[in-house]
Protein backbone atom coordinates (compact mmCIF):
# COMPACT_ATOMS: atom_id res chain seq x y z
CA MET A 1 -3.44 -210.46 -30.87
CA VAL A 2 0.40 -211.36 -30.06
CA THR A 3 1.53 -209.37 -26.93
CA LEU A 4 5.05 -208.17 -26.02
CA GLU A 5 4.74 -210.72 -22.98
CA ASP A 6 4.44 -213.37 -25.83
CA VAL A 7 7.63 -212.31 -27.47
CA ALA A 8 9.65 -212.20 -24.74
CA ARG A 9 8.27 -215.96 -23.49
CA GLN A 10 9.44 -217.24 -27.01
CA ALA A 11 12.70 -215.43 -26.90
CA GLY A 12 13.63 -216.47 -23.35
CA VAL A 13 13.90 -213.08 -22.08
CA SER A 14 12.56 -210.75 -19.53
CA LEU A 15 9.45 -208.14 -20.37
CA ALA A 16 11.80 -204.93 -19.92
CA THR A 17 14.42 -206.55 -22.29
CA ALA A 18 11.75 -207.20 -24.98
CA SER A 19 10.36 -203.81 -24.63
CA ARG A 20 13.87 -202.10 -25.04
CA VAL A 21 14.43 -204.02 -28.31
CA LEU A 22 11.17 -203.57 -29.77
CA ASN A 23 9.97 -200.02 -28.42
CA GLY A 24 12.90 -198.10 -29.19
CA SER A 25 14.68 -197.30 -25.88
CA THR A 26 17.95 -195.69 -25.85
CA ARG A 27 19.14 -198.20 -23.55
CA GLN A 28 21.76 -201.01 -24.85
CA VAL A 29 20.80 -204.64 -25.47
CA GLY A 30 23.49 -207.33 -26.48
CA ALA A 31 23.45 -208.10 -30.00
CA SER A 32 22.81 -211.76 -29.62
CA MET A 33 19.52 -211.11 -27.27
CA ARG A 34 18.34 -208.36 -29.56
CA ALA A 35 18.56 -211.11 -32.69
CA ARG A 36 16.33 -213.38 -30.27
CA VAL A 37 13.90 -210.89 -29.67
CA GLU A 38 13.91 -209.69 -33.19
CA ARG A 39 13.47 -213.07 -34.55
CA ALA A 40 10.74 -214.29 -31.94
CA ALA A 41 8.53 -210.84 -32.79
CA THR A 42 8.81 -211.92 -36.66
CA ASP A 43 7.88 -215.74 -36.28
CA LEU A 44 4.98 -214.74 -33.86
CA GLY A 45 3.64 -211.24 -36.12
CA TYR A 46 4.24 -209.11 -33.35
CA ARG A 47 3.14 -205.45 -34.38
CA THR A 48 4.96 -202.53 -32.57
CA ASN A 49 2.91 -200.29 -30.07
CA VAL A 50 3.72 -196.81 -31.48
CA ALA A 51 2.24 -195.24 -28.28
CA ALA A 52 4.95 -197.43 -26.09
CA GLN A 53 7.88 -196.32 -28.46
CA THR A 54 7.01 -192.63 -27.90
CA LEU A 55 7.11 -193.35 -24.04
CA ALA A 56 10.12 -194.98 -23.95
CA ARG A 57 12.11 -192.54 -26.29
CA GLY A 58 10.79 -189.52 -24.02
CA ALA A 59 8.31 -188.41 -27.00
CA SER A 60 10.92 -187.36 -29.41
CA ASN A 61 8.53 -188.13 -32.45
CA VAL A 62 5.78 -185.98 -31.04
CA ILE A 63 5.12 -182.67 -31.93
CA GLY A 64 2.71 -180.34 -29.74
CA ILE A 65 0.47 -177.93 -31.21
CA VAL A 66 -1.28 -175.46 -28.69
CA VAL A 67 -4.05 -173.32 -30.09
CA HIS A 68 -6.45 -170.89 -28.37
CA ASP A 69 -9.60 -172.55 -29.81
CA LEU A 70 -10.07 -175.67 -31.80
CA THR A 71 -13.54 -175.23 -32.43
CA ASP A 72 -12.85 -172.10 -34.08
CA PRO A 73 -12.08 -172.67 -38.07
CA TYR A 74 -9.29 -170.26 -37.98
CA PHE A 75 -7.23 -172.56 -35.66
CA ALA A 76 -8.51 -175.74 -37.19
CA ALA A 77 -7.14 -174.93 -40.42
CA ILE A 78 -4.15 -173.91 -39.09
CA ALA A 79 -3.71 -177.08 -36.95
CA ASP A 80 -4.87 -179.23 -40.01
CA GLY A 81 -1.56 -177.68 -42.27
CA ALA A 82 0.81 -178.40 -39.21
CA MET A 83 -0.29 -181.85 -38.84
CA ARG A 84 0.03 -183.04 -42.61
CA VAL A 85 3.46 -181.59 -42.25
CA ALA A 86 4.16 -183.65 -39.11
CA ALA A 87 2.70 -186.63 -40.80
CA GLY A 88 4.84 -186.32 -43.87
CA HIS A 89 7.83 -186.20 -41.35
CA GLY A 90 6.56 -189.34 -39.63
CA GLN A 91 6.01 -187.44 -36.33
CA LEU A 92 2.51 -188.06 -34.02
CA VAL A 93 0.66 -184.96 -32.99
CA MET A 94 -0.71 -183.74 -29.56
CA VAL A 95 -2.92 -180.86 -29.71
CA ALA A 96 -4.06 -178.72 -26.76
CA THR A 97 -6.28 -175.92 -26.54
CA THR A 98 -5.99 -173.05 -24.32
CA HIS A 99 -9.56 -171.60 -24.53
CA ARG A 100 -7.62 -168.34 -24.77
CA ASP A 101 -6.04 -168.45 -21.11
CA PRO A 102 -2.39 -167.38 -21.23
CA GLU A 103 -1.91 -169.09 -18.19
CA GLN A 104 -2.96 -172.44 -19.66
CA GLU A 105 -0.68 -171.89 -22.59
CA ILE A 106 2.45 -171.39 -20.50
CA ALA A 107 1.40 -174.56 -18.36
CA TYR A 108 0.95 -176.66 -21.41
CA VAL A 109 4.68 -175.45 -22.67
CA ALA A 110 5.80 -176.64 -19.58
CA THR A 111 4.35 -179.94 -19.67
CA LEU A 112 5.42 -180.48 -23.08
CA ASN A 113 8.89 -179.75 -22.10
CA ALA A 114 8.84 -182.26 -19.31
CA GLN A 115 7.50 -184.88 -22.04
CA ARG A 116 10.48 -184.15 -24.22
CA VAL A 117 8.44 -183.71 -27.36
CA ARG A 118 10.39 -182.82 -30.74
CA ALA A 119 8.88 -179.38 -31.06
CA VAL A 120 6.03 -177.00 -30.08
CA LEU A 121 3.92 -175.02 -32.35
CA LEU A 122 1.98 -171.98 -30.97
CA ALA A 123 -1.17 -170.82 -32.87
CA GLY A 124 -2.77 -167.57 -31.84
CA SER A 125 -2.19 -163.95 -30.89
CA ARG A 126 -0.56 -162.62 -27.81
CA VAL A 127 -1.88 -160.30 -25.23
CA ALA A 128 -1.07 -156.92 -24.33
CA ASP A 129 0.46 -157.98 -20.99
CA PRO A 130 4.35 -157.70 -21.17
CA GLY A 131 4.77 -159.85 -18.16
CA VAL A 132 2.66 -162.92 -19.09
CA THR A 133 4.59 -162.66 -22.64
CA ALA A 134 8.00 -162.52 -20.81
CA ARG A 135 6.97 -165.60 -18.85
CA LEU A 136 5.72 -167.47 -21.87
CA ARG A 137 9.09 -166.76 -23.31
CA GLU A 138 10.96 -167.77 -20.66
CA GLU A 139 9.47 -171.06 -20.60
CA LEU A 140 10.17 -171.58 -24.21
CA ASP A 141 13.79 -170.62 -23.65
CA ARG A 142 13.85 -173.57 -21.01
CA TYR A 143 12.50 -175.86 -23.68
CA LYS A 144 14.60 -174.81 -26.45
CA GLU A 145 17.71 -175.24 -24.28
CA SER A 146 16.92 -178.73 -23.56
CA GLY A 147 16.96 -179.32 -27.63
CA GLY A 148 13.47 -178.59 -28.28
CA ARG A 149 12.18 -176.52 -31.37
CA VAL A 150 9.81 -173.80 -31.33
CA ALA A 151 7.53 -172.08 -33.87
CA CYS A 152 4.48 -169.71 -33.89
CA VAL A 153 1.77 -168.13 -35.93
CA GLY A 154 1.07 -164.88 -34.42
CA GLN A 155 3.02 -161.83 -33.54
CA ASP A 156 6.94 -161.79 -33.42
CA LEU A 157 7.39 -161.58 -29.41
CA LEU A 158 8.93 -164.98 -28.52
CA GLY A 159 12.02 -165.31 -30.05
CA ALA A 160 11.04 -168.25 -32.17
CA ASP A 161 10.22 -169.04 -35.85
CA THR A 162 7.22 -167.05 -36.63
CA VAL A 163 4.51 -167.00 -39.55
CA ALA A 164 3.20 -163.50 -38.82
CA PRO A 165 0.15 -162.65 -40.85
CA ASP A 166 0.28 -159.02 -41.81
CA ASN A 167 -3.15 -158.14 -39.81
CA ARG A 168 -2.44 -154.02 -39.84
CA GLU A 169 -1.85 -154.10 -43.62
CA GLY A 170 -4.87 -156.19 -44.30
CA ALA A 171 -7.41 -154.39 -42.42
CA ALA A 172 -6.16 -151.04 -44.11
CA ALA A 173 -6.42 -152.68 -47.55
CA LEU A 174 -10.14 -153.82 -46.82
CA ALA A 175 -10.62 -150.42 -45.67
CA ARG A 176 -9.51 -148.68 -48.88
CA SER A 177 -11.77 -151.38 -50.58
CA LEU A 178 -14.94 -150.33 -48.68
CA ALA A 179 -14.42 -146.86 -49.25
CA GLU A 180 -13.88 -147.29 -52.75
CA LEU A 181 -17.44 -148.61 -52.88
CA GLY A 182 -18.64 -145.50 -51.49
CA HIS A 183 -19.04 -146.39 -47.84
CA THR A 184 -18.20 -143.34 -45.42
CA ARG A 185 -20.29 -144.29 -42.18
CA PHE A 186 -18.70 -147.55 -40.64
CA ALA A 187 -18.68 -149.16 -37.36
CA VAL A 188 -15.60 -152.12 -36.17
CA LEU A 189 -16.50 -155.05 -34.11
CA ALA A 190 -13.27 -155.12 -32.68
CA GLY A 191 -13.08 -157.69 -30.23
CA PRO A 192 -11.19 -157.54 -26.88
CA PRO A 193 -8.96 -154.54 -26.42
CA ASP A 194 -5.93 -156.49 -25.05
CA LEU A 195 -5.54 -159.10 -27.69
CA LEU A 196 -2.91 -158.07 -30.10
CA THR A 197 -4.71 -159.65 -33.40
CA ALA A 198 -7.64 -157.75 -32.77
CA ALA A 199 -6.13 -154.31 -31.93
CA ASP A 200 -3.83 -154.75 -34.93
CA ARG A 201 -6.41 -155.36 -37.51
CA CYS A 202 -8.97 -152.45 -35.40
CA ALA A 203 -5.87 -150.10 -35.95
CA GLY A 204 -5.15 -150.58 -39.39
CA PHE A 205 -8.85 -150.47 -40.40
CA LEU A 206 -9.18 -147.24 -38.32
CA GLU A 207 -5.68 -145.58 -39.75
CA GLU A 208 -6.36 -145.83 -43.31
CA LEU A 209 -10.09 -144.26 -42.70
CA ALA A 210 -8.46 -141.25 -41.00
CA ALA A 211 -5.93 -141.21 -43.88
CA LEU A 212 -8.54 -141.45 -46.55
CA GLY A 213 -10.21 -138.24 -44.35
CA LEU A 214 -13.34 -140.51 -43.44
CA PRO A 215 -15.27 -140.02 -40.31
CA GLU A 216 -14.12 -142.19 -37.34
CA PRO A 217 -15.99 -145.17 -37.01
CA GLU A 218 -18.17 -146.56 -34.12
CA VAL A 219 -15.92 -148.90 -32.34
CA VAL A 220 -17.55 -151.76 -30.45
CA HIS A 221 -15.35 -154.24 -28.61
CA GLY A 222 -16.41 -157.69 -27.26
CA ALA A 223 -15.50 -161.53 -27.31
CA PHE A 224 -13.47 -162.60 -30.46
CA ASP A 225 -16.38 -165.40 -31.14
CA ARG A 226 -19.41 -165.81 -32.66
CA ASP A 227 -21.14 -164.67 -29.90
CA GLY A 228 -19.09 -161.50 -29.58
CA GLY A 229 -19.91 -160.49 -32.96
CA TYR A 230 -23.89 -161.37 -32.22
CA GLN A 231 -23.88 -159.06 -29.18
CA ALA A 232 -21.99 -156.16 -30.73
CA ALA A 233 -23.97 -156.20 -33.92
CA THR A 234 -26.68 -154.42 -31.88
CA ARG A 235 -24.47 -151.42 -31.26
CA THR A 236 -23.44 -150.38 -35.11
CA GLY A 237 -25.49 -147.32 -35.01
CA GLU A 238 -26.03 -145.68 -38.13
CA ALA A 239 -23.05 -147.60 -39.98
CA THR A 240 -23.62 -148.42 -43.53
CA CYS A 241 -20.79 -151.05 -43.19
CA VAL A 242 -19.54 -153.11 -40.52
CA PHE A 243 -16.08 -154.61 -40.18
CA ALA A 244 -15.52 -157.42 -37.75
CA VAL A 245 -12.18 -158.08 -36.97
CA ASN A 246 -12.41 -162.01 -37.54
CA ASP A 247 -15.00 -164.10 -39.64
CA VAL A 248 -16.65 -165.57 -36.93
CA MET A 249 -17.52 -162.55 -35.15
CA ALA A 250 -18.82 -161.31 -38.61
CA VAL A 251 -21.09 -164.41 -38.92
CA GLY A 252 -22.63 -163.78 -35.50
CA ALA A 253 -23.09 -160.30 -36.82
CA LEU A 254 -24.96 -161.55 -39.98
CA ALA A 255 -27.02 -163.80 -37.60
CA ALA A 256 -28.00 -160.84 -35.43
CA TYR A 257 -29.02 -158.68 -38.23
CA ARG A 258 -31.22 -161.77 -39.81
CA GLU A 259 -32.84 -162.09 -36.63
CA ARG A 260 -33.68 -158.46 -36.21
CA GLY A 261 -35.01 -158.25 -40.04
CA VAL A 262 -31.64 -156.06 -41.11
CA ARG A 263 -31.39 -157.02 -44.97
CA VAL A 264 -27.34 -157.80 -45.65
CA PRO A 265 -26.18 -155.84 -47.79
CA ASP A 266 -29.07 -153.74 -48.95
CA GLU A 267 -29.25 -151.71 -45.61
CA VAL A 268 -26.08 -152.65 -43.99
CA SER A 269 -22.83 -154.06 -45.52
CA VAL A 270 -20.82 -156.66 -43.41
CA ALA A 271 -16.80 -157.75 -43.69
CA GLY A 272 -14.84 -160.04 -41.97
CA PHE A 273 -11.03 -161.08 -41.83
CA ASP A 274 -9.68 -164.53 -42.14
CA ASP A 275 -11.48 -166.43 -45.13
CA ILE A 276 -12.16 -169.54 -42.77
CA VAL A 277 -13.57 -172.42 -44.87
CA THR A 278 -17.03 -172.36 -43.62
CA LEU A 279 -17.74 -169.53 -45.40
CA ARG A 280 -18.19 -171.47 -48.62
CA ASP A 281 -21.85 -172.31 -47.68
CA HIS A 282 -22.64 -168.89 -46.07
CA VAL A 283 -25.64 -166.59 -47.66
CA PRO A 284 -24.73 -164.07 -48.24
CA ALA A 285 -21.12 -164.83 -49.07
CA LEU A 286 -18.81 -163.03 -46.81
CA THR A 287 -16.16 -160.07 -47.89
CA THR A 288 -13.16 -160.90 -46.08
CA VAL A 289 -9.38 -160.53 -45.88
CA ARG A 290 -8.08 -163.84 -47.04
CA LEU A 291 -5.03 -165.70 -45.31
CA PRO A 292 -3.43 -169.00 -46.12
CA LEU A 293 -4.44 -170.60 -43.04
CA ALA A 294 -3.61 -174.40 -43.73
CA GLY A 295 -0.15 -172.93 -45.43
CA MET A 296 0.64 -170.78 -42.34
CA GLY A 297 0.62 -173.69 -40.00
CA ALA A 298 2.41 -176.06 -42.90
CA ARG A 299 5.06 -173.58 -42.96
CA ALA A 300 5.40 -172.85 -39.22
CA LEU A 301 6.01 -176.50 -38.41
CA GLU A 302 8.53 -176.40 -41.37
CA LEU A 303 10.63 -173.63 -39.73
CA ALA A 304 10.26 -175.96 -36.51
CA LEU A 305 11.72 -178.84 -37.80
CA SER A 306 14.16 -177.25 -40.38
CA GLY A 307 17.34 -177.43 -37.86
CA GLU A 308 18.06 -173.60 -38.36
CA ARG A 309 18.99 -172.26 -35.01
CA THR A 310 18.40 -168.56 -36.01
CA PRO A 311 14.84 -167.44 -35.72
CA THR A 312 12.83 -167.00 -38.96
CA VAL A 313 10.24 -164.56 -39.10
CA GLU A 314 8.02 -164.69 -42.40
CA ARG A 315 5.16 -162.49 -43.08
CA VAL A 316 2.15 -163.43 -44.71
CA PRO A 317 0.00 -160.90 -46.61
CA GLY A 318 -3.64 -160.95 -46.83
CA THR A 319 -5.71 -160.94 -49.87
CA VAL A 320 -9.19 -158.70 -49.90
CA VAL A 321 -11.77 -160.69 -51.48
CA LEU A 322 -14.89 -158.80 -51.92
CA ARG A 323 -18.24 -160.66 -51.88
CA ASP A 324 -22.19 -160.66 -51.64
CA SER A 325 -22.22 -159.28 -48.14
CA VAL A 326 -20.99 -155.96 -49.28
CA ARG A 327 -22.76 -153.46 -52.07
CA ARG A 328 -21.49 -150.60 -53.80
CA LEU A 329 -23.46 -147.37 -52.98
CA PRO A 330 -24.85 -145.33 -55.51
CA GLY A 331 -22.61 -142.79 -57.11
CA ALA A 332 -19.18 -144.97 -56.25
CA PRO A 333 -16.94 -145.33 -59.22
CA ARG A 334 -16.08 -148.96 -60.34
CA THR A 335 -12.61 -149.09 -59.66
CA THR A 336 -12.55 -152.12 -57.06
CA THR A 337 -11.50 -155.48 -58.42
CA ASP A 338 -12.88 -158.63 -57.07
CA GLU A 339 -9.41 -159.76 -55.22
CA VAL A 340 -6.88 -156.98 -53.90
CA GLU A 341 -3.45 -157.98 -52.64
CA ALA A 342 -3.31 -156.32 -49.16
CA GLY A 343 0.28 -154.58 -48.09
């Protein structure tokens, strides 16, 4: 393999000079010396080291993507959509996961700012802590003042380009659809009470049930993951229909019911939210609210790279998708379609 040292030796220049020419440094090199280096590189068949170029340029061709949990298919789909856009713009991507730690998220933004990345995409819910949100926004403002661009998938709380799913409206539409199937006794696997996405989805569902004059459901809080849904499913009482505020919790609930010998949907119906891709192979197929996850990630990064200085907020409606995990109770009128636009 031809090295940068080989090029420098053939061109008769220092290693630093060869690096400035071939790795994209902003420091100027004389025209004749640049020509010698480029000719030597061509003659030797030298291939530019993209990583070295990134370091020399101060990471100006790098996008930082910060998600809460990369093992969650929700975030994996959003990151995949954003990465495809980045590739189309000739950008490299760094992905970081916070494991749902707000302090880690702030630290990542500070690190990406220090590395002078071109743009930062944050994907994930805000927490119900105004102090934490204010500190994150201050860190993002410092980054933007240095020329960086920011976009978010989640709540519009950070003064940046935001793709905001209609969580409350989607959950309300799901409640209407489930009520039309004759269900009146509900339980909600509500996730953490301080996570705004979980709180919005729970609130939208409860508000719609109240508007329909139905009894208040059992609300069970827990972790916003598969294990949280598994554990919460043991406390759903006499509900005929259980709504988990995300799909991975719903999958955990289905596993808990299966192990206990509770038949879904014959004995209890189960619904989720997001329509993650792994549901395609799940039996019974899960009723959910579909969000265009990859499209949300792609659109957020497009906004960040657009060059517009006034933050844009784009709301994304969900679509209720009724599948085999929910049954129609005897006597319910047949008025619900397979898919219902939410919001």
